[in-house]
Protein backbone atom coordinates (compact mmCIF):
# COMPACT_ATOMS: atom_id res chain seq x y z
CA MET A 1 -141.52 201.85 -110.84
CA ALA A 2 -141.92 198.08 -110.78
CA THR A 3 -138.86 195.95 -111.44
CA LEU A 4 -139.06 192.62 -113.16
CA ILE A 5 -137.82 189.63 -111.24
CA GLN A 6 -135.34 187.81 -113.44
CA PRO A 7 -135.84 184.03 -113.73
CA PRO A 8 -133.16 182.01 -111.98
CA ASP A 9 -130.21 180.66 -113.96
CA LEU A 10 -130.91 176.97 -113.52
CA ASP A 11 -127.60 175.78 -114.95
CA LEU A 12 -124.38 177.64 -114.39
CA ARG A 13 -122.34 175.19 -116.50
CA ASP A 14 -121.37 175.95 -120.07
CA ASP A 15 -121.50 173.37 -122.88
CA GLU A 16 -117.93 172.18 -122.33
CA GLN A 17 -118.47 171.65 -118.60
CA LEU A 18 -121.73 169.80 -119.21
CA ALA A 19 -120.15 167.55 -121.85
CA ALA A 20 -117.17 166.86 -119.58
CA GLU A 21 -119.50 165.96 -116.72
CA ALA A 22 -121.54 163.65 -118.98
CA ILE A 23 -118.41 161.90 -120.24
CA GLY A 24 -117.07 161.64 -116.70
CA PHE A 25 -120.38 160.16 -115.54
CA VAL A 26 -120.44 157.35 -118.10
CA SER A 27 -116.71 156.63 -118.19
CA GLY A 28 -116.02 156.91 -114.46
CA GLY A 29 -114.52 154.13 -112.42
CA LEU A 30 -116.53 151.15 -111.32
CA THR A 31 -118.00 151.06 -107.85
CA THR A 32 -119.89 148.28 -106.11
CA ASP A 33 -123.09 150.32 -106.32
CA ARG A 34 -122.69 150.77 -110.06
CA VAL A 35 -121.95 147.07 -110.62
CA ASP A 36 -124.94 146.07 -108.46
CA ALA A 37 -127.20 148.42 -110.44
CA GLN A 38 -125.96 146.94 -113.73
CA ILE A 39 -126.51 143.40 -112.45
CA ALA A 40 -130.08 144.29 -111.42
CA GLU A 41 -130.75 145.78 -114.88
CA ARG A 42 -129.33 142.69 -116.61
CA ARG A 43 -131.54 140.45 -114.46
CA LYS A 44 -134.62 142.45 -115.50
CA LEU A 45 -133.56 142.16 -119.15
CA ARG A 46 -132.97 138.41 -118.76
CA ASP A 47 -136.43 137.94 -117.23
CA MET A 48 -137.97 139.87 -120.14
CA ILE A 49 -136.11 137.73 -122.70
CA VAL A 50 -137.16 134.51 -120.94
CA ALA A 51 -140.77 135.75 -120.97
CA GLY A 52 -140.45 136.55 -124.69
CA LEU A 53 -140.99 140.27 -124.14
CA ALA A 54 -137.62 141.64 -125.25
CA MET A 55 -136.01 140.56 -128.49
CA PRO A 56 -132.97 142.41 -129.82
CA ILE A 57 -133.89 144.53 -132.83
CA CYS A 58 -130.30 145.11 -133.85
CA PRO A 59 -128.21 142.00 -132.94
CA GLU A 60 -124.87 143.81 -133.31
CA LEU A 61 -125.88 146.09 -130.41
CA THR A 62 -126.56 143.33 -127.89
CA ASN A 63 -123.17 143.82 -126.26
CA ALA A 64 -124.18 145.74 -123.14
CA ASN A 65 -120.71 146.21 -121.66
CA PRO A 66 -120.22 149.61 -120.04
CA SER A 67 -117.31 150.26 -122.41
CA SER A 68 -119.30 149.62 -125.62
CA PRO A 69 -119.65 152.82 -127.67
CA HIS A 70 -123.43 152.57 -127.96
CA THR A 71 -123.80 151.95 -124.23
CA VAL A 72 -121.66 154.99 -123.43
CA LEU A 73 -123.74 157.15 -125.79
CA LEU A 74 -127.05 155.90 -124.42
CA GLU A 75 -125.95 156.39 -120.83
CA ALA A 76 -124.70 159.90 -121.62
CA MET A 77 -127.99 160.81 -123.34
CA ALA A 78 -130.01 159.35 -120.46
CA TRP A 79 -127.96 161.28 -117.92
CA LEU A 80 -128.32 164.54 -119.88
CA THR A 81 -132.08 163.96 -120.20
CA ALA A 82 -132.30 163.47 -116.44
CA GLN A 83 -130.39 166.72 -115.93
CA LEU A 84 -132.80 168.54 -118.24
CA ALA A 85 -135.82 167.07 -116.44
CA HIS A 86 -134.37 168.17 -113.11
CA ARG A 87 -133.92 171.74 -114.38
CA VAL A 88 -137.47 171.85 -115.79
CA ASN A 89 -138.82 170.72 -112.43
CA GLN A 90 -137.08 173.70 -110.81
CA LEU A 91 -139.16 176.25 -112.74
CA PRO A 92 -141.24 178.57 -110.57
CA VAL A 93 -145.03 178.12 -110.68
CA ARG A 94 -145.43 181.54 -112.30
CA ASP A 95 -143.34 180.31 -115.26
CA GLU A 96 -145.42 177.12 -115.53
CA ILE A 97 -148.57 179.26 -115.67
CA ALA A 98 -147.03 181.51 -118.34
CA PHE A 99 -145.97 178.46 -120.37
CA ALA A 100 -149.49 177.00 -120.18
CA GLY A 101 -150.79 180.35 -121.38
CA LEU A 102 -148.88 179.82 -124.63
CA PHE A 103 -151.33 177.00 -125.35
CA GLN A 104 -154.38 179.06 -124.30
CA ILE A 105 -154.67 177.09 -121.06
CA THR A 106 -155.94 179.42 -118.36
CA LEU A 107 -156.45 179.08 -114.65
CA ARG A 108 -159.99 178.46 -113.44
CA ALA A 109 -161.46 178.89 -110.02
CA ALA A 110 -161.60 175.69 -108.01
CA THR A 111 -165.00 174.01 -107.92
CA PHE A 112 -166.46 171.21 -105.88
CA ALA A 113 -166.79 167.79 -107.45
CA THR A 114 -170.33 166.89 -108.55
CA THR A 115 -172.04 163.63 -109.32
CA THR A 116 -175.45 162.03 -109.71
CA LEU A 117 -176.49 159.58 -107.00
CA THR A 118 -178.98 156.79 -107.61
CA PHE A 119 -181.07 155.57 -104.68
CA ILE A 120 -182.88 152.21 -104.78
CA THR A 121 -186.00 151.28 -102.78
CA THR A 122 -188.32 148.30 -102.68
CA GLY A 123 -191.04 150.37 -104.33
CA THR A 124 -193.69 149.43 -101.74
CA HIS A 125 -193.93 152.92 -100.19
CA ASP A 126 -192.92 156.52 -100.83
CA ALA A 127 -189.33 157.37 -99.91
CA THR A 128 -187.92 160.83 -99.34
CA ILE A 129 -184.21 161.66 -99.37
CA PRO A 130 -183.82 165.15 -97.86
CA SER A 131 -181.48 167.76 -99.32
CA GLY A 132 -178.09 167.62 -97.58
CA THR A 133 -178.11 163.84 -97.11
CA GLN A 134 -174.52 162.65 -96.94
CA VAL A 135 -173.39 159.60 -98.88
CA ALA A 136 -169.86 158.29 -98.40
CA THR A 137 -167.58 155.58 -99.72
CA SER A 138 -167.17 152.49 -97.57
CA ASP A 139 -164.06 153.92 -95.91
CA SER A 140 -165.65 157.41 -95.55
CA SER A 141 -162.78 159.03 -97.43
CA ILE A 142 -165.12 160.66 -99.98
CA VAL A 143 -168.41 162.26 -98.89
CA PHE A 144 -171.08 163.79 -101.17
CA ASP A 145 -174.11 165.83 -100.04
CA THR A 146 -177.36 165.78 -102.01
CA THR A 147 -178.18 169.25 -103.34
CA GLU A 148 -181.96 168.84 -103.52
CA GLU A 149 -184.71 166.68 -102.05
CA LEU A 150 -185.53 163.40 -103.83
CA VAL A 151 -188.95 161.79 -103.59
CA ILE A 152 -189.35 158.23 -104.87
CA LEU A 153 -193.03 157.40 -105.17
CA SER A 154 -194.39 153.93 -104.37
CA GLY A 155 -194.29 151.71 -107.42
CA HIS A 156 -190.92 153.12 -108.44
CA THR A 157 -187.71 151.48 -107.29
CA THR A 158 -185.04 154.04 -108.23
CA GLY A 159 -184.49 157.77 -108.19
CA THR A 160 -181.55 160.02 -109.01
CA VAL A 161 -180.44 163.26 -107.42
CA ALA A 162 -177.53 165.68 -107.92
CA ALA A 163 -174.84 165.81 -105.24
CA GLN A 164 -171.62 167.66 -104.64
CA ARG A 165 -168.60 167.15 -102.48
CA THR A 166 -168.55 169.94 -99.96
CA VAL A 167 -165.73 168.66 -97.78
CA LEU A 168 -162.31 169.50 -99.16
CA PRO A 169 -159.92 166.53 -99.38
CA TRP A 170 -157.32 168.01 -97.07
CA THR A 171 -159.87 168.55 -94.29
CA THR A 172 -160.65 164.83 -94.16
CA CYS A 173 -157.03 163.75 -93.82
CA CYS A 174 -155.89 162.46 -90.47
CA CYS A 175 -152.25 163.54 -90.78
CA ASN A 176 -150.00 164.08 -87.80
C-alpha cells in the first residue's frame, strides 16, 4: 500500500510568534548596518525627487523616521511579504506542478528551438546550402543546423530554409 508523502511544514511559528517577530524586526535597536541602509535608501529617494520622478502623494506621510507609525507598518508588511515569498520558494517542484495543473497548465516534452534562416547571394550563379549546414552567432554560443537543402537559383538573391538547434545549451558551456 502506497503512503502519501506529507508536504513539509514550512513555518513552525504560530500567529503570535510571527507578529512578535515582525514587531521586533521593525522596532529593534539601531545598528550601523541599519542606519547605513536607511541612508542609502534616502539618497535614492533624494535623487528621484531631484530628477522629478518621486513626488509625495500624501504630504502628511513624508516623515520617513523609523519610529513613524506608517513607516513601522510598511516595514512590517514588507518583512512579512518577504517571509511569505521565502516560504513559497521552498515548495517542492511536485507541488509547483500540481499548482500549475489547477490552471490547466501541463508539462510538455522538451523540444529543440527552431527558426527560419535567410541566405543572401549575389544572384550571379546557383548556390546550394546543404542540409546540416551550421550557422552560429558571432560568439558561437548559439548554433542552428539547416534541416533541408536550400538551392538558390541564379537571378535570385535570397532563399530561406528551416533550421533547428540541435546542440543543447548546457553542452556548449565551458564551465569548470
